[in-house]
Amino acid sequence: MTSIAAPIVFDAPKLPADRELIETRLVWWYFVAALAYMIVAMLAGAMISLQFLQHYPFPGIELLSPGRWRFVHTNGVAYGFLANGFLGMLHWAVPRLTLRPVLSRPLSYFIFIAWQLIVVATVVGVLTGQAQAVEWGETPVWVDPVALLGLVLVAINFLHPILQLQGPMYVTLWYFISALVWTVLVYMMGSFLPQYFVGGAASAAIIGLFIHDLVGLFVTPLGWGMVYYFVPIILKKPVWSHGLSLVGFWGLAFFYPLTGIHHFLYSPIPMFLQYGAVISTIAVELVVTTVIINFFMTIRGRGDALRTNLPIRWFYAGMVFYFTTCLQCAFHTTLTFQRIIHFTDWVVGHSHLVMFGVFGFWMLAMLTHLIPRLVGAGDWHRHSWNAWHFWLTSIGMLIMFFDLIIAGLIQGYQWRDLAPWEDSLVASAPFWLTRTIAGTMIIVGQFFFAANVYMTWARKPVAAPSEAPMPVAPAAA
């Protein structure tokens, strides 16, 4: 099975110079910001985990309370790490796929500065007790309009070169277009409707949609678009099936917006909406399977890359985690499973696997591939540090995932059997300690990577950033 459209190959001499297409300095700034927020968010998560071990380092200090720092942990990952990484990726990929620069470079710099201010303002707001009661949307109400305006400007800046294209369009750009439009709508829905217009069960339904649509309509299309762009470039071969790439795109568009209410099963939300969320979630797993098949068939004949190419290893480890997390989500959302696992640590393990084990891994794959090119260093300072980064992070993620599965099952069955609440705390304590150890492994891995990034940047540049856009399957014949 092969792509129905022949790959389009561009002659390198006809390409505009990098400095005409891409503001590489801005891409670098976005990546540095993403790494900084990732480390801060992870340190916040480690600090929160100590609360479960009765060793929280800042007891009684309101600004440092674990409940507020949990918001720093989650929002730091979503809007600090992932959003900055995606914005840097868009500045790198969109001009190369369209052979046109973004609408305005001054606007790009303005968005960069404004977005960092938005993230910092969100942290200040939630630490001072101004968080909204919306999961993943705790951003203070006075930040929301500014953030929404920023997202609109981002969409305008990147849609301008994309919409000038005529004829077939790369499937990566399909995902980027959808993400730019959907993110504005999702953020508007989650930040304003529950706060000002609806309440009760209707508000819970909208919050459920927002929680999952933030993942499915912001993070997922940008993540999938990133994989569709970088994997063919690194492997130097087109994706296996054009048809499956379309199934993945339209399946995401049709099923994912309906899944979020599965966060509120057995609630006052009408049961037909809950059943619809269950069916949609199972359908999403089938859609994800088509994407995973497409990429594992793409690497067929190039399996050596999993051993020799670290970015490919990051990408495909994330794909395995993606299939795993979506498969378990399909089971989680059934009413049978919910009787046991609702509110347990298995759900926590699931969310960590999808946000960091999947999209975080793909982000790190891209950074590992691009950073030497961005700084003109030619190669990494130490490949061994990158290897430590990968193995500490991957093993730590696996330990945390399986640890929280077991903890969740123990908690769920104890609660089902009406055991005293204190018994579940005692039973969970060893697993919470294991989670802290696994999280520490992950954090140590990120420090290996951060040190390698710094030392690579500190080298004297030996080459200008360059990389000809390699073909990916067009999304239309």
Protein backbone atom coordinates (compact mmCIF):
# COMPACT_ATOMS: atom_id res chain seq x y z
CA MET A 1 0.00 0.00 0.00
CA THR A 2 1.58 3.27 -1.05
CA SER A 3 0.70 6.90 -1.30
CA ILE A 4 -1.69 7.57 -4.19
CA ALA A 5 0.08 10.84 -4.91
CA ALA A 6 3.69 10.92 -6.06
CA PRO A 7 5.91 12.75 -3.60
CA ILE A 8 6.81 16.29 -4.56
CA VAL A 9 10.55 16.96 -4.47
CA PHE A 10 11.87 20.50 -4.49
CA ASP A 11 15.24 21.33 -6.03
CA ALA A 12 17.38 22.80 -3.27
CA PRO A 13 18.78 25.68 -5.40
CA LYS A 14 15.26 27.00 -6.00
CA LEU A 15 14.49 27.28 -2.30
CA PRO A 16 14.61 30.72 -0.72
CA ALA A 17 17.45 31.09 1.76
CA ASP A 18 16.65 30.25 5.38
CA ARG A 19 17.01 33.87 6.42
CA GLU A 20 14.30 34.78 3.90
CA LEU A 21 11.92 32.08 5.07
CA ILE A 22 12.50 31.49 8.75
CA GLU A 23 13.46 33.58 11.73
CA THR A 24 15.65 30.86 13.25
CA ARG A 25 16.52 33.00 16.25
CA LEU A 26 12.84 33.14 17.19
CA VAL A 27 12.48 29.37 16.82
CA TRP A 28 15.44 28.99 19.19
CA TRP A 29 13.86 31.37 21.70
CA TYR A 30 10.61 29.40 21.66
CA PHE A 31 12.48 26.16 22.27
CA VAL A 32 14.48 27.62 25.16
CA ALA A 33 11.25 28.92 26.72
CA ALA A 34 9.62 25.51 26.26
CA LEU A 35 12.50 23.74 28.02
CA ALA A 36 12.50 26.25 30.86
CA TYR A 37 8.77 25.88 31.50
CA MET A 38 9.02 22.09 31.24
CA ILE A 39 11.63 21.94 34.00
CA VAL A 40 9.69 24.36 36.22
CA ALA A 41 6.47 22.37 35.70
CA MET A 42 8.23 19.09 36.49
CA LEU A 43 9.81 20.50 39.65
CA ALA A 44 6.35 21.67 40.69
CA GLY A 45 5.01 18.15 40.09
CA ALA A 46 7.82 16.64 42.17
CA MET A 47 7.09 19.08 44.97
CA ILE A 48 3.39 18.16 44.92
CA SER A 49 4.23 14.45 45.07
CA LEU A 50 5.96 15.02 48.41
CA GLN A 51 2.60 16.08 49.85
CA PHE A 52 1.42 12.48 49.41
CA LEU A 53 4.46 11.28 51.35
CA GLN A 54 3.84 13.76 54.20
CA HIS A 55 7.11 15.52 53.42
CA TYR A 56 5.85 18.65 51.71
CA PRO A 57 8.67 21.21 52.04
CA PHE A 58 6.50 24.33 52.46
CA PRO A 59 3.65 23.51 54.86
CA GLY A 60 1.39 26.36 55.91
CA ILE A 61 2.61 28.82 53.23
CA GLU A 62 -0.41 29.82 51.18
CA LEU A 63 1.47 30.90 48.04
CA LEU A 64 3.35 27.60 48.02
CA SER A 65 0.40 25.35 48.84
CA PRO A 66 0.34 22.08 46.83
CA GLY A 67 -3.15 22.74 45.45
CA ARG A 68 -2.00 25.96 43.79
CA TRP A 69 1.27 24.50 42.57
CA ARG A 70 -0.67 21.71 40.91
CA PHE A 71 -2.09 24.40 38.64
CA VAL A 72 1.46 25.55 37.90
CA HIS A 73 2.33 21.95 37.02
CA THR A 74 -0.57 21.40 34.61
CA ASN A 75 -0.70 24.87 33.04
CA GLY A 76 3.09 24.97 32.81
CA VAL A 77 3.03 21.80 30.70
CA ALA A 78 0.10 22.85 28.49
CA TYR A 79 0.77 26.56 27.90
CA GLY A 80 4.46 26.83 28.78
CA PHE A 81 6.13 23.68 27.47
CA LEU A 82 3.84 22.39 24.73
CA ALA A 83 2.50 25.72 23.43
CA ASN A 84 5.96 27.29 23.14
CA GLY A 85 7.34 24.18 21.50
CA PHE A 86 4.49 24.08 19.00
CA LEU A 87 4.88 27.77 18.17
CA GLY A 88 8.57 27.27 17.50
CA MET A 89 7.76 24.23 15.37
CA LEU A 90 5.21 26.20 13.34
CA HIS A 91 7.77 28.93 12.66
CA TRP A 92 10.12 26.26 11.36
CA ALA A 93 7.74 24.04 9.39
CA VAL A 94 5.08 26.31 7.89
CA PRO A 95 7.48 28.50 5.84
CA ARG A 96 9.24 25.37 4.56
CA LEU A 97 6.00 23.68 3.52
CA THR A 98 4.56 26.78 1.88
CA LEU A 99 7.83 28.39 0.67
CA ARG A 100 6.46 31.61 2.13
CA PRO A 101 7.34 33.45 5.33
CA VAL A 102 4.77 34.10 8.02
CA LEU A 103 2.59 37.18 7.64
CA SER A 104 4.71 39.41 9.88
CA ARG A 105 8.00 38.86 11.67
CA PRO A 106 7.42 41.80 14.04
CA LEU A 107 4.06 40.19 14.90
CA SER A 108 5.88 36.91 15.56
CA TYR A 109 8.21 38.62 18.04
CA PHE A 110 5.28 40.40 19.65
CA ILE A 111 3.44 37.09 20.06
CA PHE A 112 6.52 35.50 21.62
CA ILE A 113 6.86 38.24 24.25
CA ALA A 114 3.11 38.41 24.85
CA TRP A 115 2.81 34.65 25.28
CA GLN A 116 5.55 34.53 27.90
CA LEU A 117 3.79 37.34 29.78
CA ILE A 118 0.52 35.39 29.57
CA VAL A 119 2.12 32.26 31.03
CA VAL A 120 3.82 34.21 33.83
CA ALA A 121 0.59 36.11 34.56
CA THR A 122 -1.25 32.78 34.75
CA VAL A 123 1.26 31.48 37.29
CA VAL A 124 1.00 34.64 39.38
CA GLY A 125 -2.79 34.55 39.20
CA VAL A 126 -3.22 30.93 40.27
CA LEU A 127 -0.66 31.25 43.06
CA THR A 128 -2.51 34.26 44.45
CA GLY A 129 -5.83 32.38 44.49
CA GLN A 130 -7.42 33.72 41.29
CA ALA A 131 -7.78 30.41 39.44
CA GLN A 132 -11.00 29.51 37.65
CA ALA A 133 -12.75 26.29 38.63
CA VAL A 134 -12.11 24.77 35.18
CA GLU A 135 -9.74 21.82 34.79
CA TRP A 136 -6.85 22.84 32.49
CA GLY A 137 -8.49 26.26 32.29
CA GLU A 138 -7.53 27.72 35.67
CA THR A 139 -6.19 30.80 33.87
CA PRO A 140 -7.49 33.88 35.75
CA VAL A 141 -10.41 35.65 34.13
CA TRP A 142 -8.36 38.80 33.50
CA VAL A 143 -5.82 36.77 31.49
CA ASP A 144 -8.37 34.96 29.31
CA PRO A 145 -9.22 37.81 26.88
CA VAL A 146 -5.53 38.54 26.32
CA ALA A 147 -4.75 34.85 25.75
CA LEU A 148 -7.64 34.54 23.31
CA LEU A 149 -6.43 37.59 21.37
CA GLY A 150 -2.97 36.04 21.26
CA LEU A 151 -4.36 32.82 19.81
CA VAL A 152 -6.24 34.79 17.14
CA LEU A 153 -3.02 36.59 16.18
CA VAL A 154 -1.18 33.26 15.99
CA ALA A 155 -3.86 31.90 13.65
CA ILE A 156 -3.68 34.97 11.41
CA ASN A 157 0.12 34.90 11.26
CA PHE A 158 0.35 31.26 10.14
CA LEU A 159 -2.84 30.93 8.09
CA HIS A 160 -1.68 33.73 5.79
CA PRO A 161 1.08 31.74 4.04
CA ILE A 162 -0.89 28.48 4.16
CA LEU A 163 -4.03 29.87 2.53
CA GLN A 164 -1.99 31.33 -0.34
CA LEU A 165 -1.18 27.83 -1.54
CA GLN A 166 -2.87 26.53 -4.67
CA GLY A 167 -3.29 22.89 -5.58
CA PRO A 168 -2.44 19.89 -3.38
CA MET A 169 -1.52 20.59 0.21
CA TYR A 170 0.69 18.59 2.55
CA VAL A 171 -1.28 16.61 5.12
CA THR A 172 0.79 18.33 7.81
CA LEU A 173 -0.78 21.63 6.81
CA TRP A 174 -4.27 20.15 7.11
CA TYR A 175 -3.54 19.44 10.76
CA PHE A 176 -2.02 22.87 11.30
CA ILE A 177 -5.01 24.67 9.78
CA SER A 178 -7.45 22.71 11.92
CA ALA A 179 -5.43 23.31 15.09
CA LEU A 180 -5.17 27.05 14.49
CA VAL A 181 -8.94 27.35 14.05
CA TRP A 182 -10.03 24.82 16.67
CA THR A 183 -7.78 26.15 19.42
CA VAL A 184 -9.39 29.57 19.26
CA LEU A 185 -12.87 28.05 19.47
CA VAL A 186 -11.98 25.60 22.25
CA TYR A 187 -10.29 28.24 24.39
CA MET A 188 -13.25 30.56 23.95
CA MET A 189 -15.68 27.79 24.92
CA GLY A 190 -13.83 26.68 28.05
CA SER A 191 -12.80 30.09 29.34
CA PHE A 192 -16.01 32.06 28.92
CA LEU A 193 -19.10 29.83 28.71
CA PRO A 194 -18.81 28.12 32.15
CA GLN A 195 -17.71 31.35 33.79
CA TYR A 196 -20.38 33.71 32.49
CA PHE A 197 -23.20 31.99 30.61
CA VAL A 198 -24.12 28.50 31.86
CA GLY A 199 -24.13 26.65 35.15
CA GLY A 200 -25.00 23.33 36.74
CA ALA A 201 -24.85 20.16 34.65
CA ALA A 202 -24.59 22.19 31.43
CA SER A 203 -21.47 23.88 32.75
CA ALA A 204 -19.97 20.51 33.69
CA ALA A 205 -20.67 19.20 30.18
CA ILE A 206 -18.91 22.18 28.61
CA ILE A 207 -15.95 21.86 30.99
CA GLY A 208 -15.71 18.17 30.06
CA LEU A 209 -15.63 19.08 26.39
CA PHE A 210 -13.00 21.74 27.05
CA ILE A 211 -10.75 19.39 29.04
CA HIS A 212 -10.58 16.86 26.24
CA ASP A 213 -10.82 19.22 23.29
CA LEU A 214 -7.77 21.08 24.59
CA VAL A 215 -5.91 17.80 24.11
CA GLY A 216 -7.75 16.63 21.01
CA LEU A 217 -8.15 19.85 19.04
CA PHE A 218 -5.08 21.81 20.12
CA VAL A 219 -2.33 19.39 21.16
CA THR A 220 -3.26 16.41 18.98
CA PRO A 221 -3.46 18.03 15.51
CA LEU A 222 -0.26 19.99 16.12
CA GLY A 223 1.42 16.84 17.43
CA TRP A 224 0.26 14.70 14.53
CA GLY A 225 1.20 17.41 12.04
CA MET A 226 4.66 17.57 13.62
CA VAL A 227 5.10 13.79 13.26
CA TYR A 228 3.90 13.85 9.65
CA TYR A 229 6.50 16.53 8.93
CA PHE A 230 9.58 15.30 10.77
CA VAL A 231 9.41 11.51 10.47
CA PRO A 232 9.51 11.48 6.62
CA ILE A 233 12.31 14.07 6.70
CA ILE A 234 14.44 12.04 9.08
CA LEU A 235 13.73 8.69 7.40
CA LYS A 236 14.03 10.28 3.94
CA LYS A 237 10.96 8.48 2.63
CA PRO A 238 7.29 9.46 2.25
CA VAL A 239 4.60 8.26 4.61
CA TRP A 240 3.27 4.83 3.71
CA SER A 241 -0.36 5.65 2.92
CA HIS A 242 -1.96 8.85 1.78
CA GLY A 243 -5.39 7.30 2.35
CA LEU A 244 -4.72 6.47 6.00
CA SER A 245 -3.46 9.99 6.59
CA LEU A 246 -6.88 11.24 5.46
CA VAL A 247 -8.69 8.71 7.65
CA GLY A 248 -6.70 9.95 10.63
CA PHE A 249 -7.47 13.58 9.92
CA TRP A 250 -11.19 13.25 9.31
CA GLY A 251 -11.61 10.73 12.11
CA LEU A 252 -10.02 13.18 14.51
CA ALA A 253 -12.23 16.00 13.25
CA PHE A 254 -15.43 13.97 13.53
CA PHE A 255 -15.03 11.98 16.75
CA TYR A 256 -12.71 13.87 19.08
CA PRO A 257 -14.92 16.92 19.80
CA LEU A 258 -17.58 14.64 21.32
CA THR A 259 -15.44 12.68 23.79
CA GLY A 260 -14.95 15.06 26.72
CA ILE A 261 -18.09 14.24 28.68
CA HIS A 262 -16.57 10.86 29.54
CA HIS A 263 -14.84 12.77 32.36
CA PHE A 264 -18.25 13.08 34.02
CA LEU A 265 -19.82 9.63 33.76
CA TYR A 266 -22.41 8.81 36.43
CA SER A 267 -23.13 12.55 36.74
CA PRO A 268 -26.37 14.54 36.25
CA ILE A 269 -25.39 15.17 32.63
CA PRO A 270 -28.01 13.43 30.40
CA MET A 271 -27.12 9.80 29.79
CA PHE A 272 -27.42 10.04 26.02
CA LEU A 273 -24.52 12.51 26.08
CA GLN A 274 -22.52 10.19 28.33
CA TYR A 275 -23.17 7.23 26.02
CA GLY A 276 -22.20 9.36 23.02
CA ALA A 277 -18.91 10.25 24.70
CA VAL A 278 -18.18 6.58 25.35
CA ILE A 279 -18.83 5.61 21.73
CA SER A 280 -16.80 8.55 20.40
CA THR A 281 -13.85 7.70 22.64
CA ILE A 282 -13.78 4.10 21.40
CA ALA A 283 -13.97 5.39 17.83
CA VAL A 284 -10.99 7.67 18.46
CA GLU A 285 -8.91 4.61 19.39
CA LEU A 286 -9.73 3.13 15.97
CA VAL A 287 -8.67 6.39 14.33
CA VAL A 288 -5.43 6.46 16.31
CA THR A 289 -4.74 2.88 15.22
CA THR A 290 -4.81 3.95 11.56
CA VAL A 291 -2.20 6.65 12.27
CA ILE A 292 0.04 4.24 14.19
CA ILE A 293 -0.20 1.65 11.39
CA ASN A 294 0.69 4.33 8.85
CA PHE A 295 3.89 5.27 10.64
CA PHE A 296 5.01 1.77 11.52
CA MET A 297 4.61 0.82 7.87
CA THR A 298 6.56 3.95 6.97
CA ILE A 299 9.56 2.77 8.99
CA ARG A 300 9.40 -0.69 7.42
CA GLY A 301 12.80 -1.34 5.88
CA ARG A 302 14.36 1.38 8.02
CA GLY A 303 14.11 -0.26 11.43
CA ASP A 304 17.81 0.41 11.95
CA ALA A 305 16.83 4.05 12.52
CA LEU A 306 15.33 3.09 15.89
CA ARG A 307 18.83 2.13 16.98
CA THR A 308 20.90 4.75 15.20
CA ASN A 309 18.67 7.85 15.19
CA LEU A 310 17.60 9.25 18.56
CA PRO A 311 14.84 11.58 17.28
CA ILE A 312 13.21 8.61 15.52
CA ARG A 313 13.45 6.61 18.75
CA TRP A 314 11.70 9.43 20.62
CA PHE A 315 8.99 9.66 17.95
CA TYR A 316 8.26 5.94 17.88
CA ALA A 317 8.40 5.50 21.65
CA GLY A 318 5.75 8.22 21.77
CA MET A 319 3.70 6.35 19.18
CA VAL A 320 3.75 3.16 21.25
CA PHE A 321 2.68 5.16 24.30
CA TYR A 322 -0.01 6.84 22.19
CA PHE A 323 -1.56 3.56 21.13
CA THR A 324 -1.36 2.34 24.72
CA THR A 325 -2.96 5.39 26.29
CA CYS A 326 -5.78 5.56 23.72
CA LEU A 327 -6.46 1.84 24.07
CA GLN A 328 -6.76 2.09 27.84
CA CYS A 329 -8.87 5.24 27.44
CA ALA A 330 -11.33 3.26 25.32
CA PHE A 331 -11.71 0.85 28.26
CA HIS A 332 -11.64 3.59 30.91
CA THR A 333 -14.66 5.32 29.46
CA THR A 334 -16.94 2.30 29.68
CA LEU A 335 -19.32 2.40 32.61
CA THR A 336 -17.99 -0.97 33.79
CA PHE A 337 -14.42 0.30 34.18
CA GLN A 338 -15.60 3.60 35.65
CA ARG A 339 -17.12 1.75 38.61
CA ILE A 340 -13.60 0.79 39.64
CA ILE A 341 -11.12 3.36 38.34
CA HIS A 342 -13.04 6.65 38.72
CA PHE A 343 -10.98 9.15 40.76
CA THR A 344 -8.13 6.65 41.20
CA ASP A 345 -4.44 7.07 40.42
CA TRP A 346 -4.80 5.07 37.21
CA VAL A 347 -6.45 8.15 35.71
CA VAL A 348 -3.47 10.21 36.86
CA GLY A 349 -1.09 7.77 35.21
CA HIS A 350 -3.13 7.92 32.01
CA SER A 351 -2.97 11.72 31.83
CA HIS A 352 0.79 11.75 32.43
CA LEU A 353 1.36 9.15 29.73
CA VAL A 354 -0.59 11.05 27.08
CA MET A 355 0.63 14.58 27.81
CA PHE A 356 4.29 13.81 28.42
CA GLY A 357 4.82 10.21 27.28
CA VAL A 358 3.28 11.03 23.89
CA PHE A 359 3.32 14.71 23.04
CA GLY A 360 6.22 15.49 25.34
CA PHE A 361 8.25 12.70 23.73
CA TRP A 362 7.41 14.00 20.25
CA MET A 363 8.42 17.49 21.32
CA LEU A 364 11.74 16.19 22.63
CA ALA A 365 12.23 14.29 19.37
CA MET A 366 11.87 17.52 17.42
CA LEU A 367 14.19 19.42 19.78
CA THR A 368 16.82 16.68 19.57
CA HIS A 369 16.66 16.87 15.79
CA LEU A 370 16.62 20.65 15.39
CA ILE A 371 18.63 22.29 18.14
CA PRO A 372 22.11 21.66 16.66
CA ARG A 373 20.84 23.07 13.37
CA LEU A 374 19.33 26.12 15.04
CA VAL A 375 22.48 27.09 16.90
CA GLY A 376 24.77 26.18 14.01
CA ALA A 377 26.81 23.80 16.15
CA GLY A 378 26.86 21.00 13.61
CA ASP A 379 26.32 18.31 16.22
CA TRP A 380 25.48 17.78 19.88
CA HIS A 381 28.05 18.45 22.59
CA ARG A 382 27.69 14.92 23.98
CA HIS A 383 25.56 12.20 22.42
CA SER A 384 25.90 10.18 25.62
CA TRP A 385 24.01 12.87 27.54
CA ASN A 386 21.17 12.62 25.04
CA ALA A 387 21.16 8.85 25.52
CA TRP A 388 20.93 9.32 29.30
CA HIS A 389 18.11 11.76 28.68
CA PHE A 390 16.15 9.25 26.62
CA TRP A 391 16.60 6.23 28.88
CA LEU A 392 16.05 8.03 32.20
CA THR A 393 12.92 9.66 30.80
CA SER A 394 11.53 6.54 29.12
CA ILE A 395 12.20 4.17 32.01
CA GLY A 396 10.91 6.73 34.53
CA MET A 397 7.75 7.19 32.48
CA LEU A 398 7.17 3.44 32.25
CA ILE A 399 7.69 2.96 35.98
CA MET A 400 5.31 5.80 36.81
CA PHE A 401 2.68 4.51 34.41
CA PHE A 402 2.62 0.92 35.66
CA ASP A 403 2.96 2.07 39.27
CA LEU A 404 -0.14 4.25 39.01
CA ILE A 405 -2.11 1.52 37.23
CA ILE A 406 -1.53 -0.85 40.15
CA ALA A 407 -2.21 1.88 42.71
CA GLY A 408 -5.45 2.81 40.95
CA LEU A 409 -6.71 -0.76 40.88
CA ILE A 410 -5.96 -1.24 44.57
CA GLN A 411 -7.72 2.02 45.44
CA GLY A 412 -10.71 1.26 43.22
CA TYR A 413 -11.35 -2.21 44.61
CA GLN A 414 -10.92 -1.01 48.20
CA TRP A 415 -13.42 1.79 47.62
CA ARG A 416 -15.82 -0.60 45.90
CA ASP A 417 -15.66 -2.89 48.94
CA LEU A 418 -16.30 0.08 51.26
CA ALA A 419 -12.99 -0.33 53.07
CA PRO A 420 -12.13 2.58 55.39
CA TRP A 421 -10.63 5.52 53.52
CA GLU A 422 -7.51 5.35 55.68
CA ASP A 423 -6.85 1.81 54.43
CA SER A 424 -6.58 3.03 50.86
CA LEU A 425 -4.11 5.73 51.95
CA VAL A 426 -1.91 3.18 53.69
CA ALA A 427 -2.04 0.85 50.66
CA SER A 428 -1.22 3.71 48.29
CA ALA A 429 1.81 5.06 50.17
CA PRO A 430 4.42 2.69 48.61
CA PHE A 431 3.13 3.49 45.14
CA TRP A 432 3.27 7.23 45.79
CA LEU A 433 6.89 6.83 46.86
CA THR A 434 7.61 4.91 43.67
CA ARG A 435 5.94 7.68 41.65
CA THR A 436 8.21 10.27 43.26
CA ILE A 437 11.28 8.17 42.46
CA ALA A 438 10.15 7.71 38.85
CA GLY A 439 9.43 11.42 38.53
CA THR A 440 12.89 12.19 39.88
CA MET A 441 14.40 9.99 37.18
CA ILE A 442 12.49 11.94 34.54
CA ILE A 443 13.63 15.29 35.97
CA VAL A 444 17.27 14.18 36.10
CA GLY A 445 16.94 13.21 32.44
CA GLN A 446 15.72 16.71 31.58
CA PHE A 447 18.71 18.24 33.32
CA PHE A 448 21.00 16.08 31.18
CA PHE A 449 19.22 17.45 28.13
CA ALA A 450 19.24 21.07 29.33
CA ALA A 451 22.98 20.87 30.06
CA ASN A 452 23.58 19.39 26.61
CA VAL A 453 21.52 22.13 24.98
CA TYR A 454 23.53 24.80 26.79
CA MET A 455 26.89 23.28 25.94
CA THR A 456 25.86 22.79 22.31
CA TRP A 457 24.75 26.43 22.11
CA ALA A 458 27.99 27.58 23.73
CA ARG A 459 30.06 26.05 20.94
CA LYS A 460 31.37 28.32 18.22
CA PRO A 461 28.95 28.08 15.26
CA VAL A 462 30.35 26.10 12.37
CA ALA A 463 27.37 26.13 10.00
CA ALA A 464 24.26 28.13 9.29
CA PRO A 465 20.96 26.39 10.01
CA SER A 466 19.74 24.61 6.92
CA GLU A 467 17.48 21.76 6.02
CA ALA A 468 15.70 21.28 2.73
CA PRO A 469 12.05 20.34 3.15
CA MET A 470 11.67 16.66 2.39
CA PRO A 471 8.45 15.33 0.89
CA VAL A 472 5.51 14.16 2.92
CA ALA A 473 2.33 12.79 1.42
CA PRO A 474 0.10 15.57 0.07
CA ALA A 475 -3.35 15.60 1.60
CA ALA A 476 -5.10 15.84 -1.75
CA ALA A 477 -4.32 14.47 -5.15
